[in-house]
Amino acid sequence: MSRVRTRRRHLNLRFVALCLAAVFALAGLGIWLWASRGLPGEDVAVPDYVQQDFLTVNPWSRPGTPLEKIDGVVIHYVGNPNTTAQANRNYFESLSSGEEGTYASSHFIVGLEGEVLQCIPLTEIAYASNIRNADTVAIEVCHPDETGAFSDASYRRTVELTAWLCREFGLDPMEDVIRHYDVTGKICPRYYVDHPEAWESFLADVASAV
């Protein structure tokens, strides 16, 4: 009888050891898959209307920090009426000297005529949305006057670009597209903070485009 019990004990120990080995193997596989999955913006080809003009890597406007998840899109306005996308991109580049002591950038800038410059790769964070830098793509939009209302061309392009990002990264336009204001309370984009009904219309247009 004692031999039977001993045999059973040995079998139980072997079974436990096999179970533990299987658990460790699965855990190892999970870690390997997680580590090798790459960044969400890796190998993503931007639309033809986007011109890539990346900032140089620097601590102030393009830190090179990996953007390990993309959970949303944040809409901004440049705050400088009647300036071009190129002028705003060049401003971000000028911050690289550190003389201003300002951290700022954006993944994309939409110009007054609907042109789009990409300043930061989709694999890196931009200094645009404070606590949401780590999981969002930022779009700055140029505007013709102090109201902050987008021109017709920039509005259409911003809708198109935002809809593309939503499709590419599986985002819900009504939930995952937000204003800078929704993160920090900053009046940005001004027109769409001052006119929340216009913001709702923008989201509806993005949802339709998606």
Protein backbone atom coordinates (compact mmCIF):
# COMPACT_ATOMS: atom_id res chain seq x y z
CA MET A 1 0.00 0.00 0.00
CA SER A 2 2.81 2.41 0.86
CA ARG A 3 4.42 1.70 -2.53
CA VAL A 4 1.18 2.67 -4.31
CA ARG A 5 1.00 5.90 -2.31
CA THR A 6 4.64 6.65 -3.13
CA ARG A 7 4.00 6.00 -6.82
CA ARG A 8 0.98 8.29 -6.76
CA ARG A 9 3.00 10.98 -5.04
CA HIS A 10 5.67 10.70 -7.75
CA LEU A 11 3.03 10.90 -10.46
CA ASN A 12 1.45 13.95 -8.80
CA LEU A 13 4.83 15.65 -8.54
CA ARG A 14 5.53 14.93 -12.20
CA PHE A 15 2.13 16.30 -13.17
CA VAL A 16 2.72 19.47 -11.15
CA ALA A 17 6.17 19.86 -12.70
CA LEU A 18 4.73 19.45 -16.21
CA CYS A 19 2.01 22.01 -15.46
CA LEU A 20 4.57 24.49 -14.15
CA ALA A 21 6.76 23.94 -17.19
CA ALA A 22 3.77 24.56 -19.47
CA VAL A 23 2.88 27.75 -17.59
CA PHE A 24 6.45 29.07 -17.83
CA ALA A 25 6.61 28.17 -21.51
CA LEU A 26 3.36 30.02 -22.23
CA ALA A 27 4.51 33.01 -20.19
CA GLY A 28 7.78 33.07 -22.10
CA LEU A 29 5.93 32.88 -25.42
CA GLY A 30 3.68 35.75 -24.34
CA ILE A 31 6.65 37.91 -23.37
CA TRP A 32 8.39 37.12 -26.66
CA LEU A 33 5.30 37.98 -28.68
CA TRP A 34 4.82 41.22 -26.72
CA ALA A 35 8.46 42.23 -27.17
CA SER A 36 8.52 41.43 -30.89
CA ARG A 37 5.18 42.98 -31.82
CA GLY A 38 6.78 46.29 -32.85
CA LEU A 39 5.36 49.76 -32.53
CA PRO A 40 1.82 50.46 -33.78
CA GLY A 41 2.99 53.14 -36.24
CA GLU A 42 5.77 50.98 -37.67
CA ASP A 43 5.62 50.30 -41.42
CA VAL A 44 2.53 52.53 -41.80
CA ALA A 45 2.58 54.35 -45.14
CA VAL A 46 1.07 57.84 -44.89
CA PRO A 47 -1.38 59.06 -47.56
CA ASP A 48 0.00 60.64 -50.74
CA TYR A 49 -1.10 64.14 -49.69
CA VAL A 50 1.24 64.03 -46.67
CA GLN A 51 4.72 65.50 -47.14
CA GLN A 52 7.25 64.20 -44.65
CA ASP A 53 9.58 66.89 -43.32
CA PHE A 54 10.79 65.42 -40.05
CA LEU A 55 12.32 67.56 -37.33
CA THR A 56 15.86 66.74 -36.28
CA VAL A 57 16.02 64.60 -33.16
CA ASN A 58 16.50 66.89 -30.15
CA PRO A 59 15.32 67.16 -26.52
CA TRP A 60 12.89 70.04 -27.14
CA SER A 61 10.69 69.13 -30.10
CA ARG A 62 11.54 65.59 -31.23
CA PRO A 63 12.90 63.53 -28.34
CA GLY A 64 12.77 60.26 -30.29
CA THR A 65 10.78 58.55 -27.51
CA PRO A 66 8.87 55.50 -28.86
CA LEU A 67 5.10 55.88 -29.23
CA GLU A 68 4.22 52.42 -27.95
CA LYS A 69 0.44 52.71 -28.30
CA ILE A 70 -1.99 54.89 -30.22
CA ASP A 71 -5.28 55.29 -28.40
CA GLY A 72 -6.42 58.60 -29.81
CA VAL A 73 -5.99 61.67 -32.02
CA VAL A 74 -5.69 65.16 -30.51
CA ILE A 75 -6.67 68.21 -32.58
CA HIS A 76 -4.89 71.53 -32.01
CA TYR A 77 -4.80 74.93 -33.66
CA VAL A 78 -1.49 76.72 -34.24
CA GLY A 79 -2.58 79.94 -32.50
CA ASN A 80 -0.78 82.10 -35.09
CA PRO A 81 -3.37 83.40 -37.57
CA ASN A 82 -2.59 83.21 -41.29
CA THR A 83 0.71 81.35 -40.87
CA THR A 84 1.67 78.43 -43.09
CA ALA A 85 2.26 74.80 -42.23
CA GLN A 86 5.91 75.24 -43.21
CA ALA A 87 6.35 78.28 -40.94
CA ASN A 88 4.94 76.35 -37.98
CA ARG A 89 7.10 73.33 -38.77
CA ASN A 90 10.14 75.61 -38.88
CA TYR A 91 9.16 77.05 -35.51
CA PHE A 92 9.19 73.57 -34.00
CA GLU A 93 12.60 73.00 -35.56
CA SER A 94 13.91 76.27 -34.10
CA LEU A 95 13.10 75.01 -30.60
CA SER A 96 15.85 72.42 -30.97
CA SER A 97 18.42 75.01 -29.91
CA GLY A 98 16.90 75.06 -26.42
CA GLU A 99 17.19 78.85 -26.27
CA GLU A 100 13.46 79.32 -25.69
CA GLY A 101 13.23 76.55 -23.11
CA THR A 102 10.00 75.41 -24.78
CA TYR A 103 8.89 71.85 -25.49
CA ALA A 104 6.50 71.71 -28.46
CA SER A 105 5.79 69.78 -31.65
CA SER A 106 3.13 67.84 -33.50
CA HIS A 107 3.01 64.78 -35.70
CA PHE A 108 1.15 66.60 -38.47
CA ILE A 109 0.44 70.21 -39.45
CA VAL A 110 -2.45 70.97 -41.80
CA GLY A 111 -1.98 74.18 -43.79
CA LEU A 112 -4.43 76.81 -44.99
CA GLU A 113 -4.66 75.25 -48.46
CA GLY A 114 -5.03 71.72 -47.13
CA GLU A 115 -1.36 70.79 -47.44
CA VAL A 116 -0.06 68.44 -44.75
CA LEU A 117 3.44 68.27 -43.30
CA GLN A 118 4.51 65.37 -41.09
CA CYS A 119 7.04 66.53 -38.49
CA ILE A 120 7.30 63.43 -36.28
CA PRO A 121 7.18 59.75 -37.32
CA LEU A 122 4.19 57.74 -36.10
CA THR A 123 6.61 55.61 -34.09
CA GLU A 124 7.60 58.53 -31.83
CA ILE A 125 5.82 60.84 -29.39
CA ALA A 126 5.29 64.55 -30.07
CA TYR A 127 5.35 67.23 -27.37
CA ALA A 128 1.78 68.36 -27.94
CA SER A 129 -0.76 67.04 -25.45
CA ASN A 130 0.89 66.81 -22.04
CA ILE A 131 -0.20 63.61 -20.29
CA ARG A 132 -1.58 62.23 -23.59
CA ASN A 133 1.71 62.55 -25.46
CA ALA A 134 2.43 58.90 -24.74
CA ASP A 135 -0.62 57.42 -26.50
CA THR A 136 -1.93 59.90 -29.07
CA VAL A 137 -1.20 61.36 -32.50
CA ALA A 138 -1.25 65.18 -32.62
CA ILE A 139 -2.58 67.29 -35.50
CA GLU A 140 -1.95 71.06 -35.56
CA VAL A 141 -4.19 73.04 -37.91
CA CYS A 142 -3.47 76.45 -39.42
CA HIS A 143 -6.26 79.05 -39.44
CA PRO A 144 -6.78 82.37 -41.24
CA ASP A 145 -7.83 84.61 -38.34
CA GLU A 146 -8.07 85.10 -34.58
CA THR A 147 -11.32 83.11 -34.26
CA GLY A 148 -9.35 79.93 -34.87
CA ALA A 149 -11.93 78.65 -37.38
CA PHE A 150 -10.29 76.41 -39.96
CA SER A 151 -10.40 77.37 -43.64
CA ASP A 152 -12.61 75.16 -45.82
CA ALA A 153 -9.55 73.46 -47.31
CA SER A 154 -7.87 72.83 -43.96
CA TYR A 155 -11.15 71.61 -42.43
CA ARG A 156 -11.70 69.06 -45.21
CA ARG A 157 -8.13 67.85 -45.01
CA THR A 158 -8.19 67.57 -41.22
CA VAL A 159 -11.35 65.47 -41.46
CA GLU A 160 -9.68 63.28 -44.09
CA LEU A 161 -6.44 62.87 -42.15
CA THR A 162 -8.23 62.17 -38.86
CA ALA A 163 -10.49 59.60 -40.53
CA TRP A 164 -7.43 57.87 -42.02
CA LEU A 165 -5.78 57.67 -38.59
CA CYS A 166 -8.97 56.25 -37.09
CA ARG A 167 -9.15 53.56 -39.76
CA GLU A 168 -5.44 52.76 -39.55
CA PHE A 169 -5.38 52.37 -35.76
CA GLY A 170 -8.90 51.12 -35.07
CA LEU A 171 -10.10 54.27 -33.29
CA ASP A 172 -13.67 55.42 -32.66
CA PRO A 173 -14.05 59.02 -33.94
CA MET A 174 -16.73 59.85 -31.39
CA GLU A 175 -14.66 58.62 -28.43
CA ASP A 176 -10.99 58.70 -29.40
CA VAL A 177 -10.73 62.03 -31.26
CA ILE A 178 -10.37 64.86 -28.75
CA ARG A 179 -9.35 68.50 -28.45
CA HIS A 180 -6.24 69.69 -26.63
CA TYR A 181 -8.80 71.38 -24.36
CA ASP A 182 -10.14 67.98 -23.31
CA VAL A 183 -6.71 67.05 -21.93
CA THR A 184 -5.53 70.21 -20.20
CA GLY A 185 -8.32 72.80 -20.33
CA LYS A 186 -6.24 74.97 -22.67
CA ILE A 187 -8.44 76.91 -25.14
CA CYS A 188 -7.24 74.87 -28.11
CA PRO A 189 -8.45 74.57 -30.80
CA ARG A 190 -10.07 77.92 -29.96
CA TYR A 191 -13.00 77.89 -32.38
CA TYR A 192 -13.98 74.36 -31.41
CA VAL A 193 -13.81 75.16 -27.71
CA ASP A 194 -15.84 78.35 -28.16
CA HIS A 195 -18.34 76.50 -30.40
CA PRO A 196 -18.86 72.98 -29.05
CA GLU A 197 -21.60 72.37 -31.61
CA ALA A 198 -18.99 72.89 -34.37
CA TRP A 199 -16.80 70.30 -32.66
CA GLU A 200 -19.66 67.80 -32.65
CA SER A 201 -20.15 68.47 -36.37
CA PHE A 202 -16.45 67.87 -36.96
CA LEU A 203 -16.61 64.52 -35.18
CA ALA A 204 -19.69 63.57 -37.18
CA ASP A 205 -17.86 64.42 -40.42
CA VAL A 206 -14.89 62.29 -39.35
CA ALA A 207 -17.21 59.41 -38.48
CA SER A 208 -18.86 59.68 -41.90
CA ALA A 209 -15.44 59.69 -43.60
CA VAL A 210 -14.39 56.61 -41.63
